[in-house]
């Protein structure tokens, strides 16, 4: 799911950046006035911030899960070696 989300975001960013490069050449408009307190712009920015926090949360949870899993695998391998030594009779 995270890979699919990453692909979607990267395609959207690519399209956005590409359109920003082409827009001045297609329309002939070289300057734009933006109302930074426009409610729709603020809502969109808020949604982007929420998505970023969600993405950070997923990344942090995945990191914690993988480190826990790594420790458990080490413990399981150590127990496996111990059992193998008991079975084979090796000191």
PDB file of N, CA and C in Angstrom:
ATOM      1  N   UNK A   1       0.828  -1.198   0.000  1.00  0.00           N
ATOM      2  CA  UNK A   1       0.000   0.000   0.000  1.00  0.00           C
ATOM      3  C   UNK A   1       0.873   1.264   0.000  1.00  0.00           C
ATOM      4  N   UNK A   2       1.950   1.217   0.783  1.00  0.00           N
ATOM      5  CA  UNK A   2       2.833   2.379   0.856  1.00  0.00           C
ATOM      6  C   UNK A   2       3.503   2.629  -0.494  1.00  0.00           C
ATOM      7  N   UNK A   3       3.859   1.562  -1.190  1.00  0.00           N
ATOM      8  CA  UNK A   3       4.476   1.722  -2.508  1.00  0.00           C
ATOM      9  C   UNK A   3       3.502   2.332  -3.505  1.00  0.00           C
ATOM     10  N   UNK A   4       2.257   1.909  -3.454  1.00  0.00           N
ATOM     11  CA  UNK A   4       1.241   2.459  -4.355  1.00  0.00           C
ATOM     12  C   UNK A   4       1.032   3.938  -4.053  1.00  0.00           C
ATOM     13  N   UNK A   5       0.954   4.275  -2.778  1.00  0.00           N
ATOM     14  CA  UNK A   5       0.786   5.675  -2.376  1.00  0.00           C
ATOM     15  C   UNK A   5       1.977   6.510  -2.833  1.00  0.00           C
ATOM     16  N   UNK A   6       3.167   5.954  -2.709  1.00  0.00           N
ATOM     17  CA  UNK A   6       4.363   6.666  -3.147  1.00  0.00           C
ATOM     18  C   UNK A   6       4.321   6.923  -4.648  1.00  0.00           C
ATOM     19  N   UNK A   7       3.898   5.924  -5.408  1.00  0.00           N
ATOM     20  CA  UNK A   7       3.782   6.094  -6.858  1.00  0.00           C
ATOM     21  C   UNK A   7       2.755   7.171  -7.213  1.00  0.00           C
ATOM     22  N   UNK A   8       1.631   7.164  -6.549  1.00  0.00           N
ATOM     23  CA  UNK A   8       0.583   8.154  -6.826  1.00  0.00           C
ATOM     24  C   UNK A   8       1.096   9.562  -6.527  1.00  0.00           C
ATOM     25  N   UNK A   9       1.732   9.723  -5.358  1.00  0.00           N
ATOM     26  CA  UNK A   9       2.245  11.044  -4.986  1.00  0.00           C
ATOM     27  C   UNK A   9       3.324  11.500  -5.961  1.00  0.00           C
ATOM     28  N   UNK A  10       4.202  10.598  -6.356  1.00  0.00           N
ATOM     29  CA  UNK A  10       5.265  10.989  -7.280  1.00  0.00           C
ATOM     30  C   UNK A  10       4.712  11.378  -8.646  1.00  0.00           C
ATOM     31  N   UNK A  11       3.677  10.688  -9.123  1.00  0.00           N
ATOM     32  CA  UNK A  11       3.057  11.053 -10.402  1.00  0.00           C
ATOM     33  C   UNK A  11       2.384  12.424 -10.289  1.00  0.00           C
ATOM     34  N   UNK A  12       1.703  12.663  -9.184  1.00  0.00           N
ATOM     35  CA  UNK A  12       1.061  13.966  -8.987  1.00  0.00           C
ATOM     36  C   UNK A  12       2.088  15.093  -8.913  1.00  0.00           C
ATOM     37  N   UNK A  13       3.178  14.861  -8.195  1.00  0.00           N
ATOM     38  CA  UNK A  13       4.229  15.870  -8.118  1.00  0.00           C
ATOM     39  C   UNK A  13       4.875  16.111  -9.478  1.00  0.00           C
ATOM     40  N   UNK A  14       5.122  15.050 -10.219  1.00  0.00           N
ATOM     41  CA  UNK A  14       5.699  15.186 -11.547  1.00  0.00           C
ATOM     42  C   UNK A  14       4.782  15.992 -12.460  1.00  0.00           C
ATOM     43  N   UNK A  15       3.485  15.686 -12.430  1.00  0.00           N
ATOM     44  CA  UNK A  15       2.530  16.421 -13.257  1.00  0.00           C
ATOM     45  C   UNK A  15       2.466  17.884 -12.833  1.00  0.00           C
ATOM     46  N   UNK A  16       2.490  18.135 -11.537  1.00  0.00           N
ATOM     47  CA  UNK A  16       2.434  19.503 -11.039  1.00  0.00           C
ATOM     48  C   UNK A  16       3.662  20.302 -11.472  1.00  0.00           C
ATOM     49  N   UNK A  17       4.834  19.728 -11.293  1.00  0.00           N
ATOM     50  CA  UNK A  17       6.064  20.432 -11.664  1.00  0.00           C
ATOM     51  C   UNK A  17       6.138  20.651 -13.174  1.00  0.00           C
ATOM     52  N   UNK A  18       5.743  19.637 -13.931  1.00  0.00           N
ATOM     53  CA  UNK A  18       5.768  19.750 -15.386  1.00  0.00           C
ATOM     54  C   UNK A  18       4.809  20.837 -15.862  1.00  0.00           C
ATOM     55  N   UNK A  19       3.622  20.883 -15.257  1.00  0.00           N
ATOM     56  CA  UNK A  19       2.654  21.914 -15.660  1.00  0.00           C
ATOM     57  C   UNK A  19       3.157  23.314 -15.307  1.00  0.00           C
ATOM     58  N   UNK A  20       3.874  23.433 -14.171  1.00  0.00           N
ATOM     59  CA  UNK A  20       4.421  24.734 -13.784  1.00  0.00           C
ATOM     60  C   UNK A  20       5.503  25.197 -14.751  1.00  0.00           C
ATOM     61  N   UNK A  21       6.222  24.247 -15.337  1.00  0.00           N
ATOM     62  CA  UNK A  21       7.225  24.608 -16.340  1.00  0.00           C
ATOM     63  C   UNK A  21       6.591  25.021 -17.661  1.00  0.00           C
ATOM     64  N   UNK A  22       5.521  24.338 -18.039  1.00  0.00           N
ATOM     65  CA  UNK A  22       4.881  24.604 -19.328  1.00  0.00           C
ATOM     66  C   UNK A  22       3.934  25.796 -19.306  1.00  0.00           C
ATOM     67  N   UNK A  23       3.328  26.082 -18.170  1.00  0.00           N
ATOM     68  CA  UNK A  23       2.291  27.109 -18.074  1.00  0.00           C
ATOM     69  C   UNK A  23       2.712  28.468 -18.634  1.00  0.00           C
ATOM     70  N   UNK A  24       3.864  29.003 -18.303  1.00  0.00           N
ATOM     71  CA  UNK A  24       4.235  30.313 -18.851  1.00  0.00           C
ATOM     72  C   UNK A  24       4.376  30.310 -20.379  1.00  0.00           C
ATOM     73  N   UNK A  25       4.823  29.208 -20.943  1.00  0.00           N
ATOM     74  CA  UNK A  25       5.003  29.138 -22.385  1.00  0.00           C
ATOM     75  C   UNK A  25       3.675  28.970 -23.122  1.00  0.00           C
ATOM     76  N   UNK A  26       2.751  28.229 -22.517  1.00  0.00           N
ATOM     77  CA  UNK A  26       1.455  27.974 -23.151  1.00  0.00           C
ATOM     78  C   UNK A  26       0.543  29.189 -23.044  1.00  0.00           C
ATOM     79  N   UNK A  27       0.509  29.821 -21.873  1.00  0.00           N
ATOM     80  CA  UNK A  27      -0.425  30.930 -21.652  1.00  0.00           C
ATOM     81  C   UNK A  27       0.195  32.296 -21.916  1.00  0.00           C
ATOM     82  N   UNK A  28       1.507  32.391 -21.876  1.00  0.00           N
ATOM     83  CA  UNK A  28       2.156  33.690 -22.054  1.00  0.00           C
ATOM     84  C   UNK A  28       2.178  34.518 -20.785  1.00  0.00           C
ATOM     85  N   UNK A  29       1.582  34.015 -19.720  1.00  0.00           N
ATOM     86  CA  UNK A  29       1.541  34.730 -18.444  1.00  0.00           C
ATOM     87  C   UNK A  29       2.800  34.390 -17.652  1.00  0.00           C
ATOM     88  N   UNK A  30       3.543  35.411 -17.255  1.00  0.00           N
ATOM     89  CA  UNK A  30       4.801  35.168 -16.555  1.00  0.00           C
ATOM     90  C   UNK A  30       4.757  35.523 -15.072  1.00  0.00           C
ATOM     91  N   UNK A  31       3.746  36.260 -14.624  1.00  0.00           N
ATOM     92  CA  UNK A  31       3.604  36.573 -13.205  1.00  0.00           C
ATOM     93  C   UNK A  31       2.191  36.241 -12.753  1.00  0.00           C
ATOM     94  N   UNK A  32       2.079  35.835 -11.489  1.00  0.00           N
ATOM     95  CA  UNK A  32       0.786  35.446 -10.921  1.00  0.00           C
ATOM     96  C   UNK A  32       0.677  36.061  -9.535  1.00  0.00           C
ATOM     97  N   UNK A  33      -0.484  36.604  -9.211  1.00  0.00           N
ATOM     98  CA  UNK A  33      -0.757  37.126  -7.870  1.00  0.00           C
ATOM     99  C   UNK A  33      -1.555  36.075  -7.116  1.00  0.00           C
ATOM    100  N   UNK A  34      -1.083  35.740  -5.909  1.00  0.00           N
ATOM    101  CA  UNK A  34      -1.719  34.689  -5.113  1.00  0.00           C
ATOM    102  C   UNK A  34      -2.156  35.282  -3.782  1.00  0.00           C
ATOM    103  N   UNK A  35      -3.404  35.028  -3.419  1.00  0.00           N
ATOM    104  CA  UNK A  35      -3.917  35.411  -2.111  1.00  0.00           C
ATOM    105  C   UNK A  35      -3.565  34.281  -1.142  1.00  0.00           C
ATOM    106  N   UNK A  36      -2.584  34.497  -0.281  1.00  0.00           N
ATOM    107  CA  UNK A  36      -2.100  33.447   0.596  1.00  0.00           C
ATOM    108  C   UNK A  36      -3.064  33.094   1.727  1.00  0.00           C
ATOM    109  N   UNK A  37      -4.103  33.889   1.926  1.00  0.00           N
ATOM    110  CA  UNK A  37      -5.096  33.567   2.949  1.00  0.00           C
ATOM    111  C   UNK A  37      -6.415  33.132   2.324  1.00  0.00           C
ATOM    112  N   UNK A  38      -6.386  32.731   1.066  1.00  0.00           N
ATOM    113  CA  UNK A  38      -7.574  32.198   0.394  1.00  0.00           C
ATOM    114  C   UNK A  38      -7.990  30.900   1.094  1.00  0.00           C
ATOM    115  N   UNK A  39      -9.262  30.779   1.498  1.00  0.00           N
ATOM    116  CA  UNK A  39      -9.694  29.591   2.251  1.00  0.00           C
ATOM    117  C   UNK A  39      -9.438  28.270   1.514  1.00  0.00           C
ATOM    118  N   UNK A  40      -9.641  28.239   0.211  1.00  0.00           N
ATOM    119  CA  UNK A  40      -9.410  26.983  -0.510  1.00  0.00           C
ATOM    120  C   UNK A  40      -7.930  26.619  -0.509  1.00  0.00           C
ATOM    121  N   UNK A  41      -7.062  27.608  -0.617  1.00  0.00           N
ATOM    122  CA  UNK A  41      -5.624  27.356  -0.558  1.00  0.00           C
ATOM    123  C   UNK A  41      -5.212  26.869   0.828  1.00  0.00           C
ATOM    124  N   UNK A  42      -5.777  27.480   1.862  1.00  0.00           N
ATOM    125  CA  UNK A  42      -5.455  27.067   3.231  1.00  0.00           C
ATOM    126  C   UNK A  42      -5.923  25.632   3.507  1.00  0.00           C
ATOM    127  N   UNK A  43      -7.113  25.279   2.997  1.00  0.00           N
ATOM    128  CA  UNK A  43      -7.630  23.914   3.184  1.00  0.00           C
ATOM    129  C   UNK A  43      -6.720  22.919   2.466  1.00  0.00           C
ATOM    130  N   UNK A  44      -6.332  23.255   1.236  1.00  0.00           N
ATOM    131  CA  UNK A  44      -5.449  22.370   0.479  1.00  0.00           C
ATOM    132  C   UNK A  44      -4.106  22.190   1.181  1.00  0.00           C
ATOM    133  N   UNK A  45      -3.541  23.268   1.685  1.00  0.00           N
ATOM    134  CA  UNK A  45      -2.278  23.175   2.413  1.00  0.00           C
ATOM    135  C   UNK A  45      -2.437  22.355   3.690  1.00  0.00           C
ATOM    136  N   UNK A  46      -3.569  22.527   4.356  1.00  0.00           N
ATOM    137  CA  UNK A  46      -3.845  21.728   5.555  1.00  0.00           C
ATOM    138  C   UNK A  46      -3.928  20.244   5.226  1.00  0.00           C
ATOM    139  N   UNK A  47      -4.557  19.918   4.100  1.00  0.00           N
ATOM    140  CA  UNK A  47      -4.643  18.518   3.673  1.00  0.00           C
ATOM    141  C   UNK A  47      -3.257  17.956   3.353  1.00  0.00           C
ATOM    142  N   UNK A  48      -2.425  18.763   2.720  1.00  0.00           N
ATOM    143  CA  UNK A  48      -1.061  18.313   2.429  1.00  0.00           C
ATOM    144  C   UNK A  48      -0.268  18.069   3.716  1.00  0.00           C
ATOM    145  N   UNK A  49      -0.454  18.939   4.700  1.00  0.00           N
ATOM    146  CA  UNK A  49       0.228  18.757   5.979  1.00  0.00           C
ATOM    147  C   UNK A  49      -0.277  17.492   6.669  1.00  0.00           C
ATOM    148  N   UNK A  50      -1.583  17.247   6.634  1.00  0.00           N
ATOM    149  CA  UNK A  50      -2.143  16.035   7.241  1.00  0.00           C
ATOM    150  C   UNK A  50      -1.600  14.788   6.546  1.00  0.00           C
ATOM    151  N   UNK A  51      -1.521  14.827   5.224  1.00  0.00           N
ATOM    152  CA  UNK A  51      -0.974  13.697   4.474  1.00  0.00           C
ATOM    153  C   UNK A  51       0.494  13.466   4.835  1.00  0.00           C
ATOM    154  N   UNK A  52       1.237  14.545   5.005  1.00  0.00           N
ATOM    155  CA  UNK A  52       2.644  14.429   5.376  1.00  0.00           C
ATOM    156  C   UNK A  52       2.793  13.799   6.757  1.00  0.00           C
ATOM    157  N   UNK A  53       1.977  14.230   7.708  1.00  0.00           N
ATOM    158  CA  UNK A  53       2.041  13.637   9.042  1.00  0.00           C
ATOM    159  C   UNK A  53       1.643  12.163   9.005  1.00  0.00           C
ATOM    160  N   UNK A  54       0.628  11.827   8.211  1.00  0.00           N
ATOM    161  CA  UNK A  54       0.230  10.426   8.077  1.00  0.00           C
ATOM    162  C   UNK A  54       1.367   9.605   7.490  1.00  0.00           C
ATOM    163  N   UNK A  55       2.037  10.160   6.498  1.00  0.00           N
ATOM    164  CA  UNK A  55       3.151   9.465   5.868  1.00  0.00           C
ATOM    165  C   UNK A  55       4.297   9.268   6.868  1.00  0.00           C
ATOM    166  N   UNK A  56       4.586  10.291   7.659  1.00  0.00           N
ATOM    167  CA  UNK A  56       5.616  10.171   8.693  1.00  0.00           C
ATOM    168  C   UNK A  56       5.244   9.120   9.735  1.00  0.00           C
ATOM    169  N   UNK A  57       3.974   9.076  10.113  1.00  0.00           N
ATOM    170  CA  UNK A  57       3.503   8.091  11.084  1.00  0.00           C
ATOM    171  C   UNK A  57       3.697   6.676  10.552  1.00  0.00           C
ATOM    172  N   UNK A  58       3.293   6.463   9.302  1.00  0.00           N
ATOM    173  CA  UNK A  58       3.443   5.132   8.696  1.00  0.00           C
ATOM    174  C   UNK A  58       4.917   4.756   8.626  1.00  0.00           C
ATOM    175  N   UNK A  59       5.764   5.689   8.235  1.00  0.00           N
ATOM    176  CA  UNK A  59       7.185   5.411   8.177  1.00  0.00           C
ATOM    177  C   UNK A  59       7.762   5.066   9.538  1.00  0.00           C
ATOM    178  N   UNK A  60       7.358   5.801  10.568  1.00  0.00           N
ATOM    179  CA  UNK A  60       7.854   5.537  11.921  1.00  0.00           C
ATOM    180  C   UNK A  60       7.373   4.175  12.424  1.00  0.00           C
ATOM    181  N   UNK A  61       6.110   3.853  12.188  1.00  0.00           N
ATOM    182  CA  UNK A  61       5.570   2.562  12.618  1.00  0.00           C
ATOM    183  C   UNK A  61       6.278   1.425  11.884  1.00  0.00           C
ATOM    184  N   UNK A  62       6.512   1.583  10.588  1.00  0.00           N
ATOM    185  CA  UNK A  62       7.226   0.554   9.830  1.00  0.00           C
ATOM    186  C   UNK A  62       8.649   0.379  10.342  1.00  0.00           C
ATOM    187  N   UNK A  63       9.305   1.485  10.675  1.00  0.00           N
ATOM    188  CA  UNK A  63      10.672   1.405  11.206  1.00  0.00           C
ATOM    189  C   UNK A  63      10.692   0.657  12.538  1.00  0.00           C
ATOM    190  N   UNK A  64       9.784   1.009  13.435  1.00  0.00           N
ATOM    191  CA  UNK A  64       9.732   0.342  14.731  1.00  0.00           C
ATOM    192  C   UNK A  64       9.418  -1.144  14.571  1.00  0.00           C
ATOM    193  N   UNK A  65       8.500  -1.464  13.662  1.00  0.00           N
ATOM    194  CA  UNK A  65       8.147  -2.859  13.416  1.00  0.00           C
ATOM    195  C   UNK A  65       9.353  -3.632  12.892  1.00  0.00           C
ATOM    196  N   UNK A  66      10.074  -3.054  11.937  1.00  0.00           N
ATOM    197  CA  UNK A  66      11.211  -3.772  11.352  1.00  0.00           C
ATOM    198  C   UNK A  66      12.339  -3.961  12.362  1.00  0.00           C
ATOM    199  N   UNK A  67      12.563  -2.987  13.238  1.00  0.00           N
ATOM    200  CA  UNK A  67      13.614  -3.167  14.242  1.00  0.00           C
ATOM    201  C   UNK A  67      13.211  -4.231  15.262  1.00  0.00           C
ATOM    202  N   UNK A  68      11.933  -4.245  15.679  1.00  0.00           N
ATOM    203  CA  UNK A  68      11.459  -5.293  16.589  1.00  0.00           C
ATOM    204  C   UNK A  68      11.571  -6.660  15.934  1.00  0.00           C
ATOM    205  N   UNK A  69      11.174  -6.734  14.678  1.00  0.00           N
ATOM    206  CA  UNK A  69      11.229  -8.000  13.954  1.00  0.00           C
ATOM    207  C   UNK A  69      12.668  -8.476  13.814  1.00  0.00           C
ATOM    208  N   UNK A  70      13.587  -7.558  13.559  1.00  0.00           N
ATOM    209  CA  UNK A  70      14.995  -7.922  13.449  1.00  0.00           C
ATOM    210  C   UNK A  70      15.525  -8.518  14.742  1.00  0.00           C
ATOM    211  N   UNK A  71      15.169  -7.929  15.871  1.00  0.00           N
ATOM    212  CA  UNK A  71      15.587  -8.459  17.171  1.00  0.00           C
ATOM    213  C   UNK A  71      15.003  -9.845  17.412  1.00  0.00           C
ATOM    214  N   UNK A  72      13.719 -10.022  17.074  1.00  0.00           N
ATOM    215  CA  UNK A  72      13.079 -11.320  17.276  1.00  0.00           C
ATOM    216  C   UNK A  72      13.707 -12.390  16.394  1.00  0.00           C
ATOM    217  N   UNK A  73      14.095 -12.036  15.184  1.00  0.00           N
ATOM    218  CA  UNK A  73      14.747 -12.998  14.286  1.00  0.00           C
ATOM    219  C   UNK A  73      16.090 -13.415  14.866  1.00  0.00           C
ATOM    220  N   UNK A  74      16.865 -12.454  15.407  1.00  0.00           N
ATOM    221  CA  UNK A  74      18.148 -12.780  16.029  1.00  0.00           C
ATOM    222  C   UNK A  74      17.951 -13.752  17.196  1.00  0.00           C
ATOM    223  N   UNK A  75      16.944 -13.481  18.036  1.00  0.00           N
ATOM    224  CA  UNK A  75      16.672 -14.348  19.175  1.00  0.00           C
ATOM    225  C   UNK A  75      16.262 -15.745  18.708  1.00  0.00           C
ATOM    226  N   UNK A  76      15.432 -15.811  17.687  1.00  0.00           N
ATOM    227  CA  UNK A  76      14.980 -17.105  17.173  1.00  0.00           C
ATOM    228  C   UNK A  76      16.152 -17.896  16.593  1.00  0.00           C
ATOM    229  N   UNK A  77      17.053 -17.223  15.905  1.00  0.00           N
ATOM    230  CA  UNK A  77      18.219 -17.917  15.340  1.00  0.00           C
ATOM    231  C   UNK A  77      19.144 -18.416  16.443  1.00  0.00           C
ATOM    232  N   UNK A  78      19.297 -17.624  17.502  1.00  0.00           N
ATOM    233  CA  UNK A  78      20.130 -18.063  18.628  1.00  0.00           C
ATOM    234  C   UNK A  78      19.523 -19.301  19.288  1.00  0.00           C
ATOM    235  N   UNK A  79      18.208 -19.317  19.481  1.00  0.00           N
ATOM    236  CA  UNK A  79      17.549 -20.483  20.069  1.00  0.00           C
ATOM    237  C   UNK A  79      17.654 -21.685  19.148  1.00  0.00           C
ATOM    238  N   UNK A  80      17.561 -21.429  17.853  1.00  0.00           N
ATOM    239  CA  UNK A  80      17.671 -22.506  16.880  1.00  0.00           C
ATOM    240  C   UNK A  80      19.067 -23.141  16.951  1.00  0.00           C
ATOM    241  N   UNK A  81      20.095 -22.318  17.054  1.00  0.00           N
ATOM    242  CA  UNK A  81      21.462 -22.837  17.169  1.00  0.00           C
ATOM    243  C   UNK A  81      21.639 -23.625  18.461  1.00  0.00           C
ATOM    244  N   UNK A  82      21.033 -23.134  19.541  1.00  0.00           N
ATOM    245  CA  UNK A  82      21.112 -23.831  20.826  1.00  0.00           C
ATOM    246  C   UNK A  82      20.466 -25.205  20.736  1.00  0.00           C
ATOM    247  N   UNK A  83      19.306 -25.252  20.119  1.00  0.00           N
ATOM    248  CA  UNK A  83      18.603 -26.530  19.964  1.00  0.00           C
ATOM    249  C   UNK A  83      19.403 -27.461  19.058  1.00  0.00           C
ATOM    250  N   UNK A  84      19.987 -26.916  18.012  1.00  0.00           N
ATOM    251  CA  UNK A  84      20.796 -27.722  17.093  1.00  0.00           C
ATOM    252  C   UNK A  84      22.004 -28.328  17.813  1.00  0.00           C
ATOM    253  N   UNK A  85      22.644 -27.519  18.685  1.00  0.00           N
ATOM    254  CA  UNK A  85      23.796 -28.025  19.440  1.00  0.00           C
ATOM    255  C   UNK A  85      23.384 -29.136  20.388  1.00  0.00           C
ATOM    256  N   UNK A  86      22.203 -28.994  21.034  1.00  0.00           N
ATOM    257  CA  UNK A  86      21.721 -30.047  21.937  1.00  0.00           C
ATOM    258  C   UNK A  86      21.435 -31.324  21.179  1.00  0.00           C
ATOM    259  N   UNK A  87      20.877 -31.191  19.984  1.00  0.00           N
ATOM    260  CA  UNK A  87      20.510 -32.374  19.210  1.00  0.00           C
ATOM    261  C   UNK A  87      21.750 -33.100  18.700  1.00  0.00           C
ATOM    262  N   UNK A  88      22.696 -32.337  18.182  1.00  0.00           N
ATOM    263  CA  UNK A  88      23.906 -32.950  17.621  1.00  0.00           C
ATOM    264  C   UNK A  88      24.923 -33.329  18.688  1.00  0.00           C
ATOM    265  N   UNK A  89      24.770 -32.800  19.876  1.00  0.00           N
ATOM    266  CA  UNK A  89      25.687 -33.111  20.966  1.00  0.00           C
ATOM    267  C   UNK A  89      26.966 -32.320  20.922  1.00  0.00           C
ATOM    268  N   UNK A  90      27.019 -31.256  20.148  1.00  0.00           N
ATOM    269  CA  UNK A  90      28.209 -30.402  20.052  1.00  0.00           C
ATOM    270  C   UNK A  90      28.291 -29.506  21.273  1.00  0.00           C
ATOM    271  N   UNK A  91      29.509 -29.248  21.778  1.00  0.00           N
ATOM    272  CA  UNK A  91      29.641 -28.372  22.958  1.00  0.00           C
ATOM    273  C   UNK A  91      29.436 -26.927  22.618  1.00  0.00           C
TER     274      UNK A  91
END
